[in-house]
C-alpha atoms as a PDB file:
ATOM      1  CA  MET A   1      60.385 -32.844 -49.607  1.00  0.00           C
ATOM      2  CA  PRO A   2      60.359 -33.203 -53.391  1.00  0.00           C
ATOM      3  CA  PRO A   3      60.366 -36.753 -54.761  1.00  0.00           C
ATOM      4  CA  SER A   4      63.818 -38.242 -55.214  1.00  0.00           C
ATOM      5  CA  LYS A   5      64.854 -38.230 -58.876  1.00  0.00           C
ATOM      6  CA  PHE A   6      68.501 -39.234 -58.756  1.00  0.00           C
ATOM      7  CA  ASN A   7      71.202 -40.577 -56.503  1.00  0.00           C
ATOM      8  CA  ILE A   8      74.332 -39.272 -58.214  1.00  0.00           C
ATOM      9  CA  LEU A   9      75.397 -35.641 -58.557  1.00  0.00           C
ATOM     10  CA  GLY A  10      75.779 -34.744 -62.195  1.00  0.00           C
ATOM     11  CA  GLN A  11      73.087 -37.161 -63.343  1.00  0.00           C
ATOM     12  CA  SER A  12      71.598 -34.972 -66.061  1.00  0.00           C
ATOM     13  CA  LEU A  13      67.840 -34.779 -66.113  1.00  0.00           C
ATOM     14  CA  THR A  14      67.171 -31.647 -68.162  1.00  0.00           C
ATOM     15  CA  ALA A  15      69.868 -31.689 -70.869  1.00  0.00           C
ATOM     16  CA  THR A  16      72.602 -34.222 -71.573  1.00  0.00           C
ATOM     17  CA  ASP A  17      74.251 -32.030 -74.222  1.00  0.00           C
ATOM     18  CA  TRP A  18      73.990 -28.548 -72.694  1.00  0.00           C
ATOM     19  CA  ASP A  19      75.559 -25.896 -74.939  1.00  0.00           C
ATOM     20  CA  GLY A  20      75.504 -23.088 -72.359  1.00  0.00           C
ATOM     21  CA  SER A  21      72.167 -21.630 -73.440  1.00  0.00           C
ATOM     22  CA  PRO A  22      70.258 -19.967 -70.576  1.00  0.00           C
ATOM     23  CA  THR A  23      68.090 -22.447 -68.706  1.00  0.00           C
ATOM     24  CA  THR A  24      66.395 -22.659 -65.322  1.00  0.00           C
ATOM     25  CA  LEU A  25      66.903 -25.735 -63.166  1.00  0.00           C
ATOM     26  CA  ALA A  26      64.188 -26.922 -60.814  1.00  0.00           C
ATOM     27  CA  VAL A  27      65.314 -28.457 -57.529  1.00  0.00           C
ATOM     28  CA  ARG A  28      67.115 -31.776 -58.145  1.00  0.00           C
ATOM     29  CA  ASP A  29      67.326 -31.206 -61.892  1.00  0.00           C
ATOM     30  CA  GLY A  30      70.646 -30.845 -63.679  1.00  0.00           C
ATOM     31  CA  VAL A  31      72.445 -30.378 -66.985  1.00  0.00           C
ATOM     32  CA  SER A  32      75.632 -31.786 -68.436  1.00  0.00           C
ATOM     33  CA  MET A  33      78.078 -30.205 -70.881  1.00  0.00           C
ATOM     34  CA  PRO A  34      79.970 -33.191 -72.318  1.00  0.00           C
ATOM     35  CA  GLN A  35      83.121 -31.200 -73.067  1.00  0.00           C
ATOM     36  CA  THR A  36      84.137 -27.725 -71.968  1.00  0.00           C
ATOM     37  CA  PRO A  37      86.678 -25.620 -73.882  1.00  0.00           C
ATOM     38  CA  ASN A  38      90.371 -26.137 -73.158  1.00  0.00           C
ATOM     39  CA  GLY A  39      90.455 -22.476 -72.193  1.00  0.00           C
ATOM     40  CA  SER A  40      88.469 -20.122 -70.010  1.00  0.00           C
ATOM     41  CA  MET A  41      84.683 -20.320 -69.924  1.00  0.00           C
ATOM     42  CA  ILE A  42      82.303 -17.968 -68.138  1.00  0.00           C
ATOM     43  CA  LEU A  43      79.552 -19.542 -66.004  1.00  0.00           C
ATOM     44  CA  ALA A  44      76.722 -17.408 -64.622  1.00  0.00           C
ATOM     45  CA  PHE A  45      73.957 -18.412 -62.220  1.00  0.00           C
ATOM     46  CA  GLN A  46      71.210 -16.783 -60.177  1.00  0.00           C
ATOM     47  CA  ASN A  47      68.590 -17.843 -57.657  1.00  0.00           C
ATOM     48  CA  ALA A  48      65.266 -17.264 -59.432  1.00  0.00           C
ATOM     49  CA  SER A  49      62.999 -17.994 -56.466  1.00  0.00           C
ATOM     50  CA  LEU A  50      60.405 -15.365 -55.579  1.00  0.00           C
ATOM     51  CA  MET A  51      60.595 -16.565 -51.966  1.00  0.00           C
ATOM     52  CA  ASN A  52      63.325 -16.100 -49.373  1.00  0.00           C
ATOM     53  CA  ASN A  53      64.859 -19.466 -50.253  1.00  0.00           C
ATOM     54  CA  ALA A  54      68.626 -19.914 -50.166  1.00  0.00           C
ATOM     55  CA  GLY A  55      69.798 -21.873 -53.181  1.00  0.00           C
ATOM     56  CA  LYS A  56      72.779 -24.063 -54.014  1.00  0.00           C
ATOM     57  CA  LEU A  57      74.281 -25.655 -57.102  1.00  0.00           C
ATOM     58  CA  ALA A  58      76.546 -28.706 -57.150  1.00  0.00           C
ATOM     59  CA  LEU A  59      79.248 -28.576 -59.823  1.00  0.00           C
ATOM     60  CA  THR A  60      81.160 -31.684 -60.822  1.00  0.00           C
ATOM     61  CA  THR A  61      83.756 -32.064 -63.553  1.00  0.00           C
ATOM     62  CA  GLY A  62      85.950 -34.996 -64.507  1.00  0.00           C
ATOM     63  CA  SER A  63      86.712 -37.043 -61.398  1.00  0.00           C
ATOM     64  CA  SER A  64      86.893 -34.059 -59.052  1.00  0.00           C
ATOM     65  CA  GLN A  65      85.023 -33.658 -55.786  1.00  0.00           C
ATOM     66  CA  PRO A  66      81.786 -31.647 -56.053  1.00  0.00           C
ATOM     67  CA  GLN A  67      82.035 -27.877 -55.702  1.00  0.00           C
ATOM     68  CA  PHE A  68      79.004 -26.270 -54.087  1.00  0.00           C
ATOM     69  CA  LEU A  69      78.037 -22.840 -55.369  1.00  0.00           C
ATOM     70  CA  PRO A  70      75.753 -20.758 -53.130  1.00  0.00           C
ATOM     71  CA  ALA A  71      72.929 -18.908 -54.884  1.00  0.00           C
ATOM     72  CA  PRO A  72      71.680 -16.407 -52.284  1.00  0.00           C
ATOM     73  CA  ALA A  73      68.003 -15.626 -51.953  1.00  0.00           C
ATOM     74  CA  LEU A  74      66.437 -12.416 -53.285  1.00  0.00           C
ATOM     75  CA  VAL A  75      69.638 -11.206 -54.957  1.00  0.00           C
ATOM     76  CA  LEU A  76      68.596  -9.657 -58.272  1.00  0.00           C
ATOM     77  CA  GLN A  77      71.910 -10.131 -60.051  1.00  0.00           C
ATOM     78  CA  PRO A  78      73.931 -13.057 -61.367  1.00  0.00           C
ATOM     79  CA  THR A  79      77.052 -14.553 -59.854  1.00  0.00           C
ATOM     80  CA  VAL A  80      79.874 -15.214 -62.312  1.00  0.00           C
ATOM     81  CA  LEU A  81      82.498 -17.966 -62.113  1.00  0.00           C
ATOM     82  CA  ILE A  82      85.347 -17.868 -64.657  1.00  0.00           C
ATOM     83  CA  LYS A  83      87.550 -20.929 -64.997  1.00  0.00           C
ATOM     84  CA  ASN A  84      89.347 -23.257 -67.385  1.00  0.00           C
ATOM     85  CA  TRP A  85      87.843 -26.723 -66.922  1.00  0.00           C
ATOM     86  CA  GLN A  86      90.444 -28.085 -69.368  1.00  0.00           C
ATOM     87  CA  ALA A  87      88.067 -29.807 -71.790  1.00  0.00           C
ATOM     88  CA  ASN A  88      86.507 -31.935 -69.032  1.00  0.00           C
ATOM     89  CA  ASN A  89      82.763 -32.419 -68.795  1.00  0.00           C
ATOM     90  CA  LEU A  90      80.772 -30.034 -66.599  1.00  0.00           C
ATOM     91  CA  ASN A  91      77.701 -31.066 -64.629  1.00  0.00           C
ATOM     92  CA  LEU A  92      75.424 -28.708 -62.694  1.00  0.00           C
ATOM     93  CA  THR A  93      72.699 -29.894 -60.324  1.00  0.00           C
ATOM     94  CA  ASN A  94      70.244 -27.816 -58.303  1.00  0.00           C
ATOM     95  CA  VAL A  95      70.671 -29.180 -54.760  1.00  0.00           C
ATOM     96  CA  SER A  96      68.685 -26.476 -52.972  1.00  0.00           C
ATOM     97  CA  THR A  97      66.717 -27.588 -49.924  1.00  0.00           C
ATOM     98  CA  ALA A  98      63.382 -25.878 -50.578  1.00  0.00           C
ATOM     99  CA  VAL A  99      61.264 -27.096 -53.505  1.00  0.00           C
ATOM    100  CA  LYS A 100      60.484 -23.616 -54.858  1.00  0.00           C
ATOM    101  CA  THR A 101      64.101 -22.628 -55.549  1.00  0.00           C
ATOM    102  CA  PRO A 102      64.728 -22.601 -59.299  1.00  0.00           C
ATOM    103  CA  ILE A 103      68.227 -21.509 -60.333  1.00  0.00           C
ATOM    104  CA  TRP A 104      68.963 -19.828 -63.668  1.00  0.00           C
ATOM    105  CA  ILE A 105      72.248 -20.826 -65.344  1.00  0.00           C
ATOM    106  CA  ALA A 106      74.110 -19.891 -68.529  1.00  0.00           C
ATOM    107  CA  ALA A 107      77.612 -20.305 -69.945  1.00  0.00           C
ATOM    108  CA  TYR A 108      79.479 -17.912 -72.234  1.00  0.00           C
ATOM    109  CA  GLY A 109      82.429 -18.073 -74.593  1.00  0.00           C
ATOM    110  CA  PRO A 110      83.192 -18.313 -78.319  1.00  0.00           C
ATOM    111  CA  GLY A 111      81.086 -21.098 -79.824  1.00  0.00           C
ATOM    112  CA  ILE A 112      78.982 -21.459 -76.672  1.00  0.00           C
ATOM    113  CA  GLY A 113      75.347 -20.394 -76.400  1.00  0.00           C
ATOM    114  CA  ALA A 114      73.780 -17.779 -78.682  1.00  0.00           C
ATOM    115  CA  THR A 115      75.657 -16.264 -81.617  1.00  0.00           C
ATOM    116  CA  PRO A 116      77.297 -12.988 -80.496  1.00  0.00           C
ATOM    117  CA  ALA A 117      76.875  -9.641 -82.215  1.00  0.00           C
ATOM    118  CA  THR A 118      79.864  -8.234 -84.108  1.00  0.00           C
ATOM    119  CA  LEU A 119      82.085  -5.659 -82.424  1.00  0.00           C
ATOM    120  CA  THR A 120      83.747  -3.579 -85.144  1.00  0.00           C
ATOM    121  CA  ALA A 121      86.830  -1.485 -84.382  1.00  0.00           C
ATOM    122  CA  GLY A 122      86.020   2.208 -84.137  1.00  0.00           C
ATOM    123  CA  HIS A 123      82.276   1.732 -83.658  1.00  0.00           C
ATOM    124  CA  PRO A 124      81.001   1.828 -80.034  1.00  0.00           C
ATOM    125  CA  VAL A 125      78.179  -0.626 -79.311  1.00  0.00           C
ATOM    126  CA  SER A 126      75.420  -0.232 -76.726  1.00  0.00           C
ATOM    127  CA  VAL A 127      74.884  -3.450 -74.787  1.00  0.00           C
ATOM    128  CA  ALA A 128      71.873  -4.767 -72.893  1.00  0.00           C
ATOM    129  CA  VAL A 129      72.227  -7.279 -70.053  1.00  0.00           C
ATOM    130  CA  TYR A 130      73.549 -10.659 -71.277  1.00  0.00           C
ATOM    131  CA  THR A 131      74.572  -9.183 -74.632  1.00  0.00           C
ATOM    132  CA  THR A 132      77.597 -10.930 -76.142  1.00  0.00           C
ATOM    133  CA  LEU A 133      79.999  -9.389 -78.642  1.00  0.00           C
ATOM    134  CA  GLN A 134      82.792 -10.856 -80.735  1.00  0.00           C
ATOM    135  CA  ALA A 135      85.583  -9.229 -82.746  1.00  0.00           C
ATOM    136  CA  VAL A 136      88.705 -10.198 -84.636  1.00  0.00           C
ATOM    137  CA  THR A 137      91.621  -8.103 -83.430  1.00  0.00           C
ATOM    138  CA  SER A 138      94.371  -6.637 -85.597  1.00  0.00           C
ATOM    139  CA  PRO A 139      98.104  -7.477 -85.186  1.00  0.00           C
ATOM    140  CA  GLN A 140      98.884  -4.209 -83.392  1.00  0.00           C
ATOM    141  CA  TYR A 141      98.204  -2.564 -80.039  1.00  0.00           C
ATOM    142  CA  MET A 142      94.511  -2.038 -79.457  1.00  0.00           C
ATOM    143  CA  GLN A 143      92.294  -0.728 -76.670  1.00  0.00           C
ATOM    144  CA  LEU A 144      89.058  -2.309 -75.472  1.00  0.00           C
ATOM    145  CA  SER A 145      87.014   0.422 -73.789  1.00  0.00           C
ATOM    146  CA  PHE A 146      84.002   0.206 -71.498  1.00  0.00           C
ATOM    147  CA  GLN A 147      81.772   3.123 -70.530  1.00  0.00           C
ATOM    148  CA  ALA A 148      78.821   3.108 -68.151  1.00  0.00           C
ATOM    149  CA  ASN A 149      76.288   5.767 -69.008  1.00  0.00           C
ATOM    150  CA  SER A 150      74.809   5.870 -65.510  1.00  0.00           C
ATOM    151  CA  GLY A 151      76.024   5.483 -61.944  1.00  0.00           C
ATOM    152  CA  GLY A 152      75.000   1.826 -61.700  1.00  0.00           C
ATOM    153  CA  LEU A 153      77.361  -1.110 -61.257  1.00  0.00           C
ATOM    154  CA  CYS A 154      78.360  -2.675 -64.593  1.00  0.00           C
ATOM    155  CA  LEU A 155      80.094  -6.055 -64.732  1.00  0.00           C
ATOM    156  CA  PHE A 156      81.826  -7.198 -67.923  1.00  0.00           C
ATOM    157  CA  ALA A 157      83.815 -10.315 -68.717  1.00  0.00           C
ATOM    158  CA  PHE A 158      85.939 -10.742 -71.808  1.00  0.00           C
ATOM    159  CA  LEU A 159      88.308 -13.405 -73.054  1.00  0.00           C
ATOM    160  CA  GLY A 160      90.968 -13.884 -75.669  1.00  0.00           C
ATOM    161  CA  GLY A 161      94.706 -13.781 -76.089  1.00  0.00           C
ATOM    162  CA  PRO A 162      97.323 -16.085 -74.555  1.00  0.00           C
ATOM    163  CA  GLN A 163      96.617 -18.239 -71.525  1.00  0.00           C
ATOM    164  CA  ASP A 164      98.348 -17.613 -68.217  1.00  0.00           C
ATOM    165  CA  ALA A 165     100.182 -20.252 -66.171  1.00  0.00           C
ATOM    166  CA  ASN A 166      96.830 -21.660 -64.987  1.00  0.00           C
ATOM    167  CA  GLY A 167      95.388 -21.939 -68.479  1.00  0.00           C
ATOM    168  CA  ASN A 168      93.111 -18.910 -68.089  1.00  0.00           C
ATOM    169  CA  ASN A 169      92.626 -16.162 -70.656  1.00  0.00           C
ATOM    170  CA  ALA A 170      89.521 -14.398 -69.343  1.00  0.00           C
ATOM    171  CA  TYR A 171      89.125 -11.123 -67.479  1.00  0.00           C
ATOM    172  CA  ALA A 172      86.347  -9.668 -65.311  1.00  0.00           C
ATOM    173  CA  ILE A 173      86.101  -5.918 -64.774  1.00  0.00           C
ATOM    174  CA  ALA A 174      83.499  -3.770 -63.011  1.00  0.00           C
ATOM    175  CA  LEU A 175      82.614  -0.095 -63.505  1.00  0.00           C
ATOM    176  CA  ASN A 176      81.152   2.115 -60.766  1.00  0.00           C
ATOM    177  CA  SER A 177      82.475  -0.470 -58.340  1.00  0.00           C
ATOM    178  CA  GLN A 178      82.291  -0.196 -54.561  1.00  0.00           C
ATOM    179  CA  TYR A 179      85.919  -1.370 -54.515  1.00  0.00           C
ATOM    180  CA  GLY A 180      87.123   1.753 -56.326  1.00  0.00           C
ATOM    181  CA  ASP A 181      90.141   1.644 -58.638  1.00  0.00           C
ATOM    182  CA  THR A 182      91.953  -1.684 -58.259  1.00  0.00           C
ATOM    183  CA  GLY A 183      94.089  -4.005 -60.360  1.00  0.00           C
ATOM    184  CA  PRO A 184      97.024  -3.360 -62.715  1.00  0.00           C
ATOM    185  CA  GLY A 185      98.330   0.191 -62.481  1.00  0.00           C
ATOM    186  CA  HIS A 186      96.824   0.810 -59.033  1.00  0.00           C
ATOM    187  CA  PRO A 187      98.221   0.243 -55.524  1.00  0.00           C
ATOM    188  CA  MET A 188      95.228  -1.863 -54.497  1.00  0.00           C
ATOM    189  CA  PRO A 189      94.981  -5.367 -56.015  1.00  0.00           C
ATOM    190  CA  ALA A 190      91.699  -6.374 -57.590  1.00  0.00           C
ATOM    191  CA  PRO A 191      89.245  -8.396 -55.466  1.00  0.00           C
ATOM    192  CA  PRO A 192      89.430 -12.186 -55.896  1.00  0.00           C
ATOM    193  CA  GLY A 193      88.070 -13.246 -59.266  1.00  0.00           C
ATOM    194  CA  TYR A 194      88.378  -9.804 -60.855  1.00  0.00           C
ATOM    195  CA  TYR A 195      91.083  -8.487 -63.150  1.00  0.00           C
ATOM    196  CA  ALA A 196      90.314  -4.869 -62.272  1.00  0.00           C
ATOM    197  CA  THR A 197      87.609  -2.575 -60.925  1.00  0.00           C
ATOM    198  CA  ALA A 198      86.959   1.112 -61.566  1.00  0.00           C
ATOM    199  CA  GLY A 199      85.381   3.526 -59.131  1.00  0.00           C
ATOM    200  CA  GLY A 200      84.328   5.658 -62.110  1.00  0.00           C
ATOM    201  CA  ASN A 201      82.332   4.898 -65.213  1.00  0.00           C
ATOM    202  CA  THR A 202      85.108   4.093 -67.701  1.00  0.00           C
ATOM    203  CA  TYR A 203      87.861   1.516 -68.111  1.00  0.00           C
ATOM    204  CA  GLY A 204      90.356   0.808 -70.888  1.00  0.00           C
ATOM    205  CA  PHE A 205      92.301  -2.401 -71.520  1.00  0.00           C
ATOM    206  CA  GLU A 206      95.307  -2.206 -73.841  1.00  0.00           C
ATOM    207  CA  PHE A 207      96.653  -5.324 -75.530  1.00  0.00           C
ATOM    208  CA  ASN A 208      98.397  -6.768 -78.569  1.00  0.00           C
ATOM    209  CA  TRP A 209      97.127 -10.264 -79.259  1.00  0.00           C
ATOM    210  CA  GLY A 210      97.899 -10.332 -82.954  1.00  0.00           C
ATOM    211  CA  THR A 211      95.025 -11.530 -85.134  1.00  0.00           C
ATOM    212  CA  SER A 212      92.791 -13.154 -82.543  1.00  0.00           C
ATOM    213  CA  VAL A 213      89.183 -13.609 -81.463  1.00  0.00           C
ATOM    214  CA  LEU A 214      87.931 -11.276 -78.724  1.00  0.00           C
ATOM    215  CA  PHE A 215      84.712 -12.183 -76.882  1.00  0.00           C
ATOM    216  CA  VAL A 216      82.809  -9.850 -74.516  1.00  0.00           C
ATOM    217  CA  VAL A 217      79.723 -10.367 -72.326  1.00  0.00           C
ATOM    218  CA  TYR A 218      77.830  -7.869 -70.134  1.00  0.00           C
ATOM    219  CA  PHE A 219      76.151  -8.979 -66.886  1.00  0.00           C
ATOM    220  CA  GLY A 220      74.568  -5.802 -65.513  1.00  0.00           C
ATOM    221  CA  SER A 221      75.020  -5.486 -61.751  1.00  0.00           C
ATOM    222  CA  GLY A 222      76.528  -8.934 -61.304  1.00  0.00           C
ATOM    223  CA  SER A 223      79.300 -10.108 -59.005  1.00  0.00           C
ATOM    224  CA  VAL A 224      82.256 -12.413 -59.532  1.00  0.00           C
ATOM    225  CA  MET A 225      82.495 -15.464 -57.285  1.00  0.00           C
ATOM    226  CA  SER A 226      85.905 -15.923 -54.843  1.00  0.00           C
ATOM    227  CA  GLN A 227      67.269 -13.972 -63.759  1.00  0.00           C
ATOM    228  CA  VAL A 228      66.671 -10.650 -63.398  1.00  0.00           C
ATOM    229  CA  PRO A 229      69.721  -8.495 -62.973  1.00  0.00           C
ATOM    230  CA  LYS A 230      69.371  -4.881 -61.986  1.00  0.00           C
ATOM    231  CA  GLU A 231      69.390  -2.973 -65.252  1.00  0.00           C
ATOM    232  CA  VAL A 232      70.539   0.620 -65.592  1.00  0.00           C
ATOM    233  CA  THR A 233      68.428   3.190 -67.398  1.00  0.00           C
ATOM    234  CA  ALA A 234      71.190   4.136 -69.864  1.00  0.00           C
ATOM    235  CA  LEU A 235      72.923   1.176 -71.513  1.00  0.00           C
ATOM    236  CA  PRO A 236      76.734   1.028 -71.269  1.00  0.00           C
ATOM    237  CA  THR A 237      78.881   0.940 -74.388  1.00  0.00           C
ATOM    238  CA  VAL A 238      81.841  -1.139 -75.527  1.00  0.00           C
ATOM    239  CA  SER A 239      84.339   0.003 -78.151  1.00  0.00           C
ATOM    240  CA  LEU A 240      87.463  -1.381 -79.759  1.00  0.00           C
ATOM    241  CA  GLN A 241      90.069   0.721 -81.510  1.00  0.00           C
ATOM    242  CA  ALA A 242      93.598   0.515 -82.809  1.00  0.00           C
ATOM    243  CA  LEU A 243      96.308   2.507 -81.016  1.00  0.00           C
END
């Protein structure tokens, strides 16, 4: 067993002021984000072990009970958790059993992590895995479009606009999904955690948020929860246009 380094979940050992930047936690190491946004934030994590070691993260926030997030072994794609932690702190600790089970983590949202590239209306942008984009929308109906240029699974998350009754304003959609066409406008509801899925390689989201910030992140062949993602040979594109 590895030497004991702490007795309390959420005791940060790697970073006490984590800003969401990608980092890899060794077993029993952790990070702490002192204050999350009072709106949706996107958390991604992946078991980075080269061995068949099941992994697990412990998530604590405020005075809540720990939430344990499984990080399956040998899965070459991230798991995504989207939630509004309501400006509470967020602590993540690698509580995997085996020593050689590092877990990669990152958080995404406006003002969190790396500076996003600009998404300009009318100009499609090719996106690599973990690319983030940001735009300022116009006060009119607009369409955010996603197109996969291969048959591979493509997971996107985007946020902006008004919050729902639970304080969330983020959406996860998947192209070339095994679930087929689900979500608004289809008889089949989207799987838990998703806003919509598409059996094909395109999806369009229409909205009118006034003048607002729009933030987009691409996760490759990731999955949404109820560091080497599988990349496709032809990068997908994202475009924004006025209607």
